[in-house]
Amino acid sequence: MQLGLIGLGKMGGNMRERIRRAGHTVIGYDRNPEISDVSDLAELVDKLEAPRTVWVMVPAGAATQSTVDELGELLEPGDVVVDGGNSRWTDDEKHAEELGAKGIGFVDAGVSGGVWGLKNGYALMVGGDPENIAKVQPVFDALKPEGEFGFVHAGKVGAGHFSKMVHNGIEYAMMQAYAEGWELLEKVHSVTDVREVFRSWQEGTVIRSWLLDLAVNALDSDEHLDKLKGYAEDSGEGRWTVEAAIDNAVPLPAITASLFARFASRQEDSPQMKMVAALRNQFGGHAVETK
């Protein structure tokens, strides 16, 4: 089939290549003319045969909204827009309503696979009406990993991105657990080869995972992670997961703590710990360190 793909960054560029390798035609657009197949969205739409399918892989928020708005003016009834970025699920509902008023279908697709997706495939969690998903199914089949699993029609519009959001929340907590265990192993004097301890966990243990494999890869490149600064950003899904938990009264202590740990990583001198130190000094006369 033919596909228009908007956004050819780290994920989008590899997705274009994987879909092409499966025998489909992909016309890609990116603001960087060196990697774009067309000069603008109008040319992209013009080169696709109706009914068209256009996949959006741009940053969540304003960039996605402006792209959806422009596509709404260019596409025709019967066409389908797929948002494969990391949009908030509530935005999906808005976009589906806006495009639906013009007879244009909408599918939200949570995509997991990162820089390894070109080789290994992408796990896909999609939301939308079955008839719209059926129009995109050949592309989903091209992108997913080989085998039985890796694709799910998760439910209504928004379900794909909601599922991917929860996936990323779980990822936050898993990464934090590995990180805490690594720090503790590094701290004690009796363990002399932390990297090999991690490597030993890759087979036969209940905590083996792809994240553990990636941790070993990182330690092979920099055994004690001396080249890195202890600073970690969050891309939004962790926050949205915690907010959804609050809205639905679902306790998420591990995921919430892992998100807050990232916030703490950005503080060279914790304001909270200043107050804690001052209080310990006030009630117990405990020593404080001054600048």
C-alpha atoms as a PDB file:
ATOM      1  CA  MET A   1       0.000   0.000   0.000  1.00  0.00           C
ATOM      2  CA  GLN A   2       0.954   3.684  -0.075  1.00  0.00           C
ATOM      3  CA  LEU A   3       1.683   5.661   3.076  1.00  0.00           C
ATOM      4  CA  GLY A   4       2.458   9.266   3.761  1.00  0.00           C
ATOM      5  CA  LEU A   5       4.820   9.639   6.753  1.00  0.00           C
ATOM      6  CA  ILE A   6       5.337  12.992   8.434  1.00  0.00           C
ATOM      7  CA  GLY A   7       8.397  13.311  10.673  1.00  0.00           C
ATOM      8  CA  LEU A   8      11.572  11.440   9.744  1.00  0.00           C
ATOM      9  CA  GLY A   9      13.608  11.706  12.941  1.00  0.00           C
ATOM     10  CA  LYS A  10      15.182   8.823  14.859  1.00  0.00           C
ATOM     11  CA  MET A  11      11.946   6.839  14.937  1.00  0.00           C
ATOM     12  CA  GLY A  12      10.237   8.060  11.772  1.00  0.00           C
ATOM     13  CA  GLY A  13      13.255   7.613   9.526  1.00  0.00           C
ATOM     14  CA  ASN A  14      13.764   4.007  10.597  1.00  0.00           C
ATOM     15  CA  MET A  15      10.047   3.302  10.295  1.00  0.00           C
ATOM     16  CA  ARG A  16      10.098   4.567   6.711  1.00  0.00           C
ATOM     17  CA  GLU A  17      12.909   2.151   5.915  1.00  0.00           C
ATOM     18  CA  ARG A  18      11.267  -0.845   7.604  1.00  0.00           C
ATOM     19  CA  ILE A  19       7.949  -0.253   5.795  1.00  0.00           C
ATOM     20  CA  ARG A  20       9.737   0.082   2.474  1.00  0.00           C
ATOM     21  CA  ARG A  21      11.614  -3.164   3.084  1.00  0.00           C
ATOM     22  CA  ALA A  22       8.212  -4.850   3.425  1.00  0.00           C
ATOM     23  CA  GLY A  23       7.371  -3.773  -0.122  1.00  0.00           C
ATOM     24  CA  HIS A  24       5.166  -0.743   0.533  1.00  0.00           C
ATOM     25  CA  THR A  25       5.512   2.758  -0.894  1.00  0.00           C
ATOM     26  CA  VAL A  26       6.335   5.458   1.656  1.00  0.00           C
ATOM     27  CA  ILE A  27       6.371   9.146   0.823  1.00  0.00           C
ATOM     28  CA  GLY A  28       8.019  10.969   3.696  1.00  0.00           C
ATOM     29  CA  TYR A  29       7.971  14.604   4.701  1.00  0.00           C
ATOM     30  CA  ASP A  30      10.304  16.314   7.150  1.00  0.00           C
ATOM     31  CA  ARG A  31      11.211  19.937   7.757  1.00  0.00           C
ATOM     32  CA  ASN A  32      14.782  18.928   6.938  1.00  0.00           C
ATOM     33  CA  PRO A  33      14.826  18.963   3.104  1.00  0.00           C
ATOM     34  CA  GLU A  34      17.877  16.679   3.016  1.00  0.00           C
ATOM     35  CA  ILE A  35      15.836  13.698   4.225  1.00  0.00           C
ATOM     36  CA  SER A  36      12.375  14.659   2.939  1.00  0.00           C
ATOM     37  CA  ASP A  37      10.811  13.100  -0.159  1.00  0.00           C
ATOM     38  CA  VAL A  38       8.543  16.105  -0.804  1.00  0.00           C
ATOM     39  CA  SER A  39       8.677  19.840  -0.179  1.00  0.00           C
ATOM     40  CA  ASP A  40       5.499  20.199   1.886  1.00  0.00           C
ATOM     41  CA  LEU A  41       2.358  18.424   3.095  1.00  0.00           C
ATOM     42  CA  ALA A  42       0.356  19.484   0.069  1.00  0.00           C
ATOM     43  CA  GLU A  43       2.809  17.701  -2.220  1.00  0.00           C
ATOM     44  CA  LEU A  44       2.765  14.637   0.034  1.00  0.00           C
ATOM     45  CA  VAL A  45      -1.034  14.396  -0.123  1.00  0.00           C
ATOM     46  CA  ASP A  46      -1.013  15.028  -3.882  1.00  0.00           C
ATOM     47  CA  LYS A  47       1.351  12.097  -4.484  1.00  0.00           C
ATOM     48  CA  LEU A  48      -0.861   9.608  -2.591  1.00  0.00           C
ATOM     49  CA  GLU A  49      -3.717   7.773  -4.261  1.00  0.00           C
ATOM     50  CA  ALA A  50      -7.120   7.937  -2.558  1.00  0.00           C
ATOM     51  CA  PRO A  51      -8.139   6.662  -0.096  1.00  0.00           C
ATOM     52  CA  ARG A  52      -4.995   7.980   1.601  1.00  0.00           C
ATOM     53  CA  THR A  53      -3.312   6.993   4.826  1.00  0.00           C
ATOM     54  CA  VAL A  54      -1.025   9.544   6.472  1.00  0.00           C
ATOM     55  CA  TRP A  55       1.040   8.679   9.562  1.00  0.00           C
ATOM     56  CA  VAL A  56       2.171  11.549  11.824  1.00  0.00           C
ATOM     57  CA  MET A  57       5.413  11.184  13.819  1.00  0.00           C
ATOM     58  CA  VAL A  58       6.022  14.651  15.269  1.00  0.00           C
ATOM     59  CA  PRO A  59       6.335  15.907  18.875  1.00  0.00           C
ATOM     60  CA  ALA A  60       3.195  15.842  20.993  1.00  0.00           C
ATOM     61  CA  GLY A  61       1.223  19.010  21.593  1.00  0.00           C
ATOM     62  CA  ALA A  62       1.365  22.042  19.320  1.00  0.00           C
ATOM     63  CA  ALA A  63       3.358  20.337  16.549  1.00  0.00           C
ATOM     64  CA  THR A  64       0.885  17.470  16.293  1.00  0.00           C
ATOM     65  CA  GLN A  65      -2.105  19.792  16.502  1.00  0.00           C
ATOM     66  CA  SER A  66      -0.872  22.034  13.678  1.00  0.00           C
ATOM     67  CA  THR A  67      -0.099  18.983  11.510  1.00  0.00           C
ATOM     68  CA  VAL A  68      -3.548  17.504  12.112  1.00  0.00           C
ATOM     69  CA  ASP A  69      -5.136  20.883  11.348  1.00  0.00           C
ATOM     70  CA  GLU A  70      -3.278  21.159   8.034  1.00  0.00           C
ATOM     71  CA  LEU A  71      -4.096  17.579   7.055  1.00  0.00           C
ATOM     72  CA  GLY A  72      -7.733  18.265   7.825  1.00  0.00           C
ATOM     73  CA  GLU A  73      -7.705  20.891   5.074  1.00  0.00           C
ATOM     74  CA  LEU A  74      -5.806  18.737   2.567  1.00  0.00           C
ATOM     75  CA  LEU A  75      -7.320  15.261   2.943  1.00  0.00           C
ATOM     76  CA  GLU A  76     -10.697  13.994   1.727  1.00  0.00           C
ATOM     77  CA  PRO A  77     -13.511  11.863   3.190  1.00  0.00           C
ATOM     78  CA  GLY A  78     -12.400   8.232   3.433  1.00  0.00           C
ATOM     79  CA  ASP A  79      -8.760   9.097   4.168  1.00  0.00           C
ATOM     80  CA  VAL A  80      -7.167   8.123   7.509  1.00  0.00           C
ATOM     81  CA  VAL A  81      -4.708   9.930   9.776  1.00  0.00           C
ATOM     82  CA  VAL A  82      -2.570   7.898  12.191  1.00  0.00           C
ATOM     83  CA  ASP A  83      -0.901   9.684  15.113  1.00  0.00           C
ATOM     84  CA  GLY A  84       2.099   7.534  16.019  1.00  0.00           C
ATOM     85  CA  GLY A  85       3.791  10.080  18.263  1.00  0.00           C
ATOM     86  CA  ASN A  86       3.537  10.301  22.036  1.00  0.00           C
ATOM     87  CA  SER A  87       0.364  12.387  22.178  1.00  0.00           C
ATOM     88  CA  ARG A  88      -1.804  12.492  25.269  1.00  0.00           C
ATOM     89  CA  TRP A  89      -4.871  10.281  24.837  1.00  0.00           C
ATOM     90  CA  THR A  90      -7.235  13.196  25.476  1.00  0.00           C
ATOM     91  CA  ASP A  91      -5.760  14.932  22.395  1.00  0.00           C
ATOM     92  CA  ASP A  92      -6.646  11.828  20.358  1.00  0.00           C
ATOM     93  CA  GLU A  93     -10.313  12.225  21.201  1.00  0.00           C
ATOM     94  CA  LYS A  94     -10.184  15.859  20.096  1.00  0.00           C
ATOM     95  CA  HIS A  95      -8.389  15.060  16.833  1.00  0.00           C
ATOM     96  CA  ALA A  96     -10.772  12.201  16.010  1.00  0.00           C
ATOM     97  CA  GLU A  97     -13.746  14.515  16.488  1.00  0.00           C
ATOM     98  CA  GLU A  98     -12.224  17.308  14.378  1.00  0.00           C
ATOM     99  CA  LEU A  99     -11.268  15.010  11.496  1.00  0.00           C
ATOM    100  CA  GLY A 100     -14.429  12.916  11.785  1.00  0.00           C
ATOM    101  CA  ALA A 101     -16.530  16.008  11.106  1.00  0.00           C
ATOM    102  CA  LYS A 102     -14.848  16.072   7.686  1.00  0.00           C
ATOM    103  CA  GLY A 103     -15.252  12.343   7.040  1.00  0.00           C
ATOM    104  CA  ILE A 104     -11.568  11.623   7.759  1.00  0.00           C
ATOM    105  CA  GLY A 105     -10.732   8.656   9.974  1.00  0.00           C
ATOM    106  CA  PHE A 106      -8.321   8.775  12.893  1.00  0.00           C
ATOM    107  CA  VAL A 107      -6.206   6.092  14.582  1.00  0.00           C
ATOM    108  CA  ASP A 108      -3.862   6.593  17.530  1.00  0.00           C
ATOM    109  CA  ALA A 109      -0.830   4.328  17.684  1.00  0.00           C
ATOM    110  CA  GLY A 110       1.457   3.927  20.658  1.00  0.00           C
ATOM    111  CA  VAL A 111       4.801   2.851  19.208  1.00  0.00           C
ATOM    112  CA  SER A 112       7.594   1.222  21.222  1.00  0.00           C
ATOM    113  CA  GLY A 113      10.945   0.120  19.882  1.00  0.00           C
ATOM    114  CA  GLY A 114      13.213   3.143  19.865  1.00  0.00           C
ATOM    115  CA  VAL A 115      16.408   3.050  17.843  1.00  0.00           C
ATOM    116  CA  TRP A 116      16.239  -0.771  17.728  1.00  0.00           C
ATOM    117  CA  GLY A 117      12.924  -0.857  15.897  1.00  0.00           C
ATOM    118  CA  LEU A 118      14.341  -0.985  12.374  1.00  0.00           C
ATOM    119  CA  LYS A 119      15.983  -4.331  13.129  1.00  0.00           C
ATOM    120  CA  ASN A 120      13.666  -5.827  15.759  1.00  0.00           C
ATOM    121  CA  GLY A 121      10.315  -4.292  14.856  1.00  0.00           C
ATOM    122  CA  TYR A 122       8.015  -1.998  16.799  1.00  0.00           C
ATOM    123  CA  ALA A 123       5.448  -2.962  19.400  1.00  0.00           C
ATOM    124  CA  LEU A 124       2.184  -1.293  18.413  1.00  0.00           C
ATOM    125  CA  MET A 125      -0.792  -0.413  20.599  1.00  0.00           C
ATOM    126  CA  VAL A 126      -3.566   1.148  18.525  1.00  0.00           C
ATOM    127  CA  GLY A 127      -6.936   2.717  19.209  1.00  0.00           C
ATOM    128  CA  GLY A 128      -9.799   3.550  16.870  1.00  0.00           C
ATOM    129  CA  ASP A 129     -12.672   2.156  14.848  1.00  0.00           C
ATOM    130  CA  PRO A 130     -12.051  -1.300  13.318  1.00  0.00           C
ATOM    131  CA  GLU A 131     -12.716  -0.067   9.766  1.00  0.00           C
ATOM    132  CA  ASN A 132     -10.022   2.619  10.061  1.00  0.00           C
ATOM    133  CA  ILE A 133      -7.534   0.221  11.614  1.00  0.00           C
ATOM    134  CA  ALA A 134      -8.160  -2.267   8.798  1.00  0.00           C
ATOM    135  CA  LYS A 135      -7.057   0.361   6.263  1.00  0.00           C
ATOM    136  CA  VAL A 136      -3.695   0.689   8.037  1.00  0.00           C
ATOM    137  CA  GLN A 137      -3.212  -3.001   8.902  1.00  0.00           C
ATOM    138  CA  PRO A 138      -0.631  -3.731   6.156  1.00  0.00           C
ATOM    139  CA  VAL A 139       1.603  -1.030   7.640  1.00  0.00           C
ATOM    140  CA  PHE A 140       1.076  -2.328  11.170  1.00  0.00           C
ATOM    141  CA  ASP A 141       2.058  -5.794   9.946  1.00  0.00           C
ATOM    142  CA  ALA A 142       5.211  -4.382   8.346  1.00  0.00           C
ATOM    143  CA  LEU A 143       6.263  -2.518  11.486  1.00  0.00           C
ATOM    144  CA  LYS A 144       5.519  -5.120  14.176  1.00  0.00           C
ATOM    145  CA  PRO A 145       8.101  -7.695  15.294  1.00  0.00           C
ATOM    146  CA  GLU A 146       8.033 -11.131  13.739  1.00  0.00           C
ATOM    147  CA  GLY A 147       5.879 -13.650  15.551  1.00  0.00           C
ATOM    148  CA  GLU A 148       2.485 -13.756  17.172  1.00  0.00           C
ATOM    149  CA  PHE A 149       2.770 -10.766  19.479  1.00  0.00           C
ATOM    150  CA  GLY A 150       3.685  -7.092  19.181  1.00  0.00           C
ATOM    151  CA  PHE A 151       0.395  -5.656  17.886  1.00  0.00           C
ATOM    152  CA  VAL A 152      -2.858  -5.007  19.717  1.00  0.00           C
ATOM    153  CA  HIS A 153      -6.068  -3.174  18.901  1.00  0.00           C
ATOM    154  CA  ALA A 154      -6.363  -1.821  22.431  1.00  0.00           C
ATOM    155  CA  GLY A 155      -9.804  -0.260  22.112  1.00  0.00           C
ATOM    156  CA  LYS A 156     -11.468   3.020  21.189  1.00  0.00           C
ATOM    157  CA  VAL A 157      -9.726   6.202  20.068  1.00  0.00           C
ATOM    158  CA  GLY A 158      -7.164   7.117  22.744  1.00  0.00           C
ATOM    159  CA  ALA A 159      -6.654   3.533  23.917  1.00  0.00           C
ATOM    160  CA  GLY A 160      -3.426   3.142  21.966  1.00  0.00           C
ATOM    161  CA  HIS A 161      -1.704   6.144  23.467  1.00  0.00           C
ATOM    162  CA  PHE A 162      -3.142   5.411  26.915  1.00  0.00           C
ATOM    163  CA  SER A 163      -1.685   1.884  26.754  1.00  0.00           C
ATOM    164  CA  LYS A 164       1.686   3.226  25.590  1.00  0.00           C
ATOM    165  CA  MET A 165       1.601   5.785  28.407  1.00  0.00           C
ATOM    166  CA  VAL A 166       1.117   3.038  31.007  1.00  0.00           C
ATOM    167  CA  HIS A 167       3.861   1.005  29.295  1.00  0.00           C
ATOM    168  CA  ASN A 168       6.235   3.946  29.711  1.00  0.00           C
ATOM    169  CA  GLY A 169       5.187   4.418  33.329  1.00  0.00           C
ATOM    170  CA  ILE A 170       6.092   0.803  34.033  1.00  0.00           C
ATOM    171  CA  GLU A 171       9.374   1.380  32.191  1.00  0.00           C
ATOM    172  CA  TYR A 172      10.140   4.304  34.534  1.00  0.00           C
ATOM    173  CA  ALA A 173       9.737   2.065  37.581  1.00  0.00           C
ATOM    174  CA  MET A 174      11.764  -0.796  36.106  1.00  0.00           C
ATOM    175  CA  MET A 175      14.642   1.500  35.171  1.00  0.00           C
ATOM    176  CA  GLN A 176      14.598   3.028  38.648  1.00  0.00           C
ATOM    177  CA  ALA A 177      14.791  -0.423  40.271  1.00  0.00           C
ATOM    178  CA  TYR A 178      17.789  -1.424  38.157  1.00  0.00           C
ATOM    179  CA  ALA A 179      19.429   1.931  38.903  1.00  0.00           C
ATOM    180  CA  GLU A 180      18.945   1.632  42.653  1.00  0.00           C
ATOM    181  CA  GLY A 181      20.294  -1.909  42.686  1.00  0.00           C
ATOM    182  CA  TRP A 182      23.309  -0.853  40.633  1.00  0.00           C
ATOM    183  CA  GLU A 183      24.113   2.026  42.983  1.00  0.00           C
ATOM    184  CA  LEU A 184      23.913  -0.214  46.048  1.00  0.00           C
ATOM    185  CA  LEU A 185      26.188  -2.827  44.454  1.00  0.00           C
ATOM    186  CA  GLU A 186      28.690  -0.114  43.523  1.00  0.00           C
ATOM    187  CA  LYS A 187      28.626   1.235  47.063  1.00  0.00           C
ATOM    188  CA  VAL A 188      29.692  -1.877  48.984  1.00  0.00           C
ATOM    189  CA  HIS A 189      33.330  -2.983  49.048  1.00  0.00           C
ATOM    190  CA  SER A 190      32.646  -6.710  48.997  1.00  0.00           C
ATOM    191  CA  VAL A 191      31.259  -6.686  45.428  1.00  0.00           C
ATOM    192  CA  THR A 192      34.235  -6.180  43.149  1.00  0.00           C
ATOM    193  CA  ASP A 193      32.663  -6.598  39.696  1.00  0.00           C
ATOM    194  CA  VAL A 194      29.218  -5.036  39.492  1.00  0.00           C
ATOM    195  CA  ARG A 195      29.092  -5.244  35.724  1.00  0.00           C
ATOM    196  CA  GLU A 196      29.507  -9.021  35.780  1.00  0.00           C
ATOM    197  CA  VAL A 197      26.847  -9.330  38.473  1.00  0.00           C
ATOM    198  CA  PHE A 198      24.441  -7.568  36.133  1.00  0.00           C
ATOM    199  CA  ARG A 199      25.561  -9.790  33.286  1.00  0.00           C
ATOM    200  CA  SER A 200      24.975 -12.927  35.384  1.00  0.00           C
ATOM    201  CA  TRP A 201      21.334 -11.880  35.802  1.00  0.00           C
ATOM    202  CA  GLN A 202      20.706 -12.069  32.044  1.00  0.00           C
ATOM    203  CA  GLU A 203      20.055 -15.813  32.135  1.00  0.00           C
ATOM    204  CA  GLY A 204      17.889 -17.818  34.513  1.00  0.00           C
ATOM    205  CA  THR A 205      16.709 -15.010  36.807  1.00  0.00           C
ATOM    206  CA  VAL A 206      13.240 -13.547  37.252  1.00  0.00           C
ATOM    207  CA  ILE A 207      14.531  -9.999  36.606  1.00  0.00           C
ATOM    208  CA  ARG A 208      16.030 -10.713  33.188  1.00  0.00           C
ATOM    209  CA  SER A 209      14.683  -8.344  30.536  1.00  0.00           C
ATOM    210  CA  TRP A 210      15.642  -6.280  27.525  1.00  0.00           C
ATOM    211  CA  LEU A 211      16.237  -3.330  29.864  1.00  0.00           C
ATOM    212  CA  LEU A 212      18.727  -5.472  31.786  1.00  0.00           C
ATOM    213  CA  ASP A 213      20.450  -6.346  28.496  1.00  0.00           C
ATOM    214  CA  LEU A 214      20.672  -2.644  27.681  1.00  0.00           C
ATOM    215  CA  ALA A 215      22.079  -1.933  31.144  1.00  0.00           C
ATOM    216  CA  VAL A 216      24.845  -4.463  30.504  1.00  0.00           C
ATOM    217  CA  ASN A 217      25.515  -2.825  27.127  1.00  0.00           C
ATOM    218  CA  ALA A 218      25.892   0.527  28.872  1.00  0.00           C
ATOM    219  CA  LEU A 219      28.263  -0.917  31.498  1.00  0.00           C
ATOM    220  CA  ASP A 220      30.329  -2.563  28.762  1.00  0.00           C
ATOM    221  CA  SER A 221      30.806   0.888  27.219  1.00  0.00           C
ATOM    222  CA  ASP A 222      31.472   2.689  30.517  1.00  0.00           C
ATOM    223  CA  GLU A 223      31.915   0.227  33.388  1.00  0.00           C
ATOM    224  CA  HIS A 224      31.179   2.639  36.239  1.00  0.00           C
ATOM    225  CA  LEU A 225      29.208   5.181  34.158  1.00  0.00           C
ATOM    226  CA  ASP A 226      31.890   7.756  34.927  1.00  0.00           C
ATOM    227  CA  LYS A 227      31.273   9.561  31.635  1.00  0.00           C
ATOM    228  CA  LEU A 228      27.656  10.351  32.478  1.00  0.00           C
ATOM    229  CA  LYS A 229      26.050  13.023  34.628  1.00  0.00           C
ATOM    230  CA  GLY A 230      23.329  11.848  37.007  1.00  0.00           C
ATOM    231  CA  TYR A 231      20.592  13.800  35.256  1.00  0.00           C
ATOM    232  CA  ALA A 232      17.469  12.316  33.651  1.00  0.00           C
ATOM    233  CA  GLU A 233      14.662  14.075  31.811  1.00  0.00           C
ATOM    234  CA  ASP A 234      11.091  12.827  31.527  1.00  0.00           C
ATOM    235  CA  SER A 235       9.243  12.949  28.236  1.00  0.00           C
ATOM    236  CA  GLY A 236       5.718  13.420  29.602  1.00  0.00           C
ATOM    237  CA  GLU A 237       4.217   9.943  29.728  1.00  0.00           C
ATOM    238  CA  GLY A 238       5.362   9.358  33.314  1.00  0.00           C
ATOM    239  CA  ARG A 239       3.598  12.503  34.488  1.00  0.00           C
ATOM    240  CA  TRP A 240       0.446  11.627  32.540  1.00  0.00           C
ATOM    241  CA  THR A 241       0.446   8.130  34.042  1.00  0.00           C
ATOM    242  CA  VAL A 242       0.545   9.547  37.575  1.00  0.00           C
ATOM    243  CA  GLU A 243      -2.155  12.099  36.722  1.00  0.00           C
ATOM    244  CA  ALA A 244      -4.381   9.343  35.313  1.00  0.00           C
ATOM    245  CA  ALA A 245      -3.807   7.310  38.470  1.00  0.00           C
ATOM    246  CA  ILE A 246      -4.975  10.239  40.583  1.00  0.00           C
ATOM    247  CA  ASP A 247      -8.031  10.778  38.362  1.00  0.00           C
ATOM    248  CA  ASN A 248      -8.965   7.088  38.704  1.00  0.00           C
ATOM    249  CA  ALA A 249      -7.903   6.620  42.361  1.00  0.00           C
ATOM    250  CA  VAL A 250      -5.406   3.896  41.447  1.00  0.00           C
ATOM    251  CA  PRO A 251      -2.301   3.698  43.704  1.00  0.00           C
ATOM    252  CA  LEU A 252       0.971   3.775  41.740  1.00  0.00           C
ATOM    253  CA  PRO A 253       3.680   4.155  44.400  1.00  0.00           C
ATOM    254  CA  ALA A 254       6.574   2.662  42.392  1.00  0.00           C
ATOM    255  CA  ILE A 255       5.881   4.585  39.189  1.00  0.00           C
ATOM    256  CA  THR A 256       5.276   7.825  41.093  1.00  0.00           C
ATOM    257  CA  ALA A 257       8.506   7.454  43.077  1.00  0.00           C
ATOM    258  CA  SER A 258      10.476   6.798  39.892  1.00  0.00           C
ATOM    259  CA  LEU A 259       9.112   9.995  38.344  1.00  0.00           C
ATOM    260  CA  PHE A 260      10.010  12.035  41.405  1.00  0.00           C
ATOM    261  CA  ALA A 261      13.503  10.509  41.382  1.00  0.00           C
ATOM    262  CA  ARG A 262      14.020  12.061  37.953  1.00  0.00           C
ATOM    263  CA  PHE A 263      13.002  15.446  39.307  1.00  0.00           C
ATOM    264  CA  ALA A 264      15.538  15.021  42.115  1.00  0.00           C
ATOM    265  CA  SER A 265      18.268  14.229  39.577  1.00  0.00           C
ATOM    266  CA  ARG A 266      18.052  17.797  38.264  1.00  0.00           C
ATOM    267  CA  GLN A 267      18.913  19.419  41.592  1.00  0.00           C
ATOM    268  CA  GLU A 268      22.575  19.955  42.342  1.00  0.00           C
ATOM    269  CA  ASP A 269      21.711  21.282  45.800  1.00  0.00           C
ATOM    270  CA  SER A 270      18.310  20.046  46.987  1.00  0.00           C
ATOM    271  CA  PRO A 271      16.163  22.829  48.501  1.00  0.00           C
ATOM    272  CA  GLN A 272      14.103  20.202  50.352  1.00  0.00           C
ATOM    273  CA  MET A 273      17.186  18.736  52.004  1.00  0.00           C
ATOM    274  CA  LYS A 274      18.145  22.213  53.224  1.00  0.00           C
ATOM    275  CA  MET A 275      14.909  22.318  55.201  1.00  0.00           C
ATOM    276  CA  VAL A 276      15.370  18.740  56.422  1.00  0.00           C
ATOM    277  CA  ALA A 277      18.893  19.579  57.625  1.00  0.00           C
ATOM    278  CA  ALA A 278      17.665  22.760  59.330  1.00  0.00           C
ATOM    279  CA  LEU A 279      14.872  20.892  61.135  1.00  0.00           C
ATOM    280  CA  ARG A 280      17.217  18.111  62.310  1.00  0.00           C
ATOM    281  CA  ASN A 281      19.493  20.807  63.706  1.00  0.00           C
ATOM    282  CA  GLN A 282      16.621  22.588  65.421  1.00  0.00           C
ATOM    283  CA  PHE A 283      15.024  19.637  67.169  1.00  0.00           C
ATOM    284  CA  GLY A 284      18.059  17.456  67.770  1.00  0.00           C
ATOM    285  CA  GLY A 285      21.086  19.654  67.502  1.00  0.00           C
ATOM    286  CA  HIS A 286      22.336  17.578  64.584  1.00  0.00           C
ATOM    287  CA  ALA A 287      25.265  19.022  62.659  1.00  0.00           C
ATOM    288  CA  VAL A 288      24.648  20.840  59.412  1.00  0.00           C
ATOM    289  CA  GLU A 289      26.973  21.527  56.506  1.00  0.00           C
ATOM    290  CA  THR A 290      27.266  25.119  55.341  1.00  0.00           C
ATOM    291  CA  LYS A 291      28.459  26.555  52.050  1.00  0.00           C
END
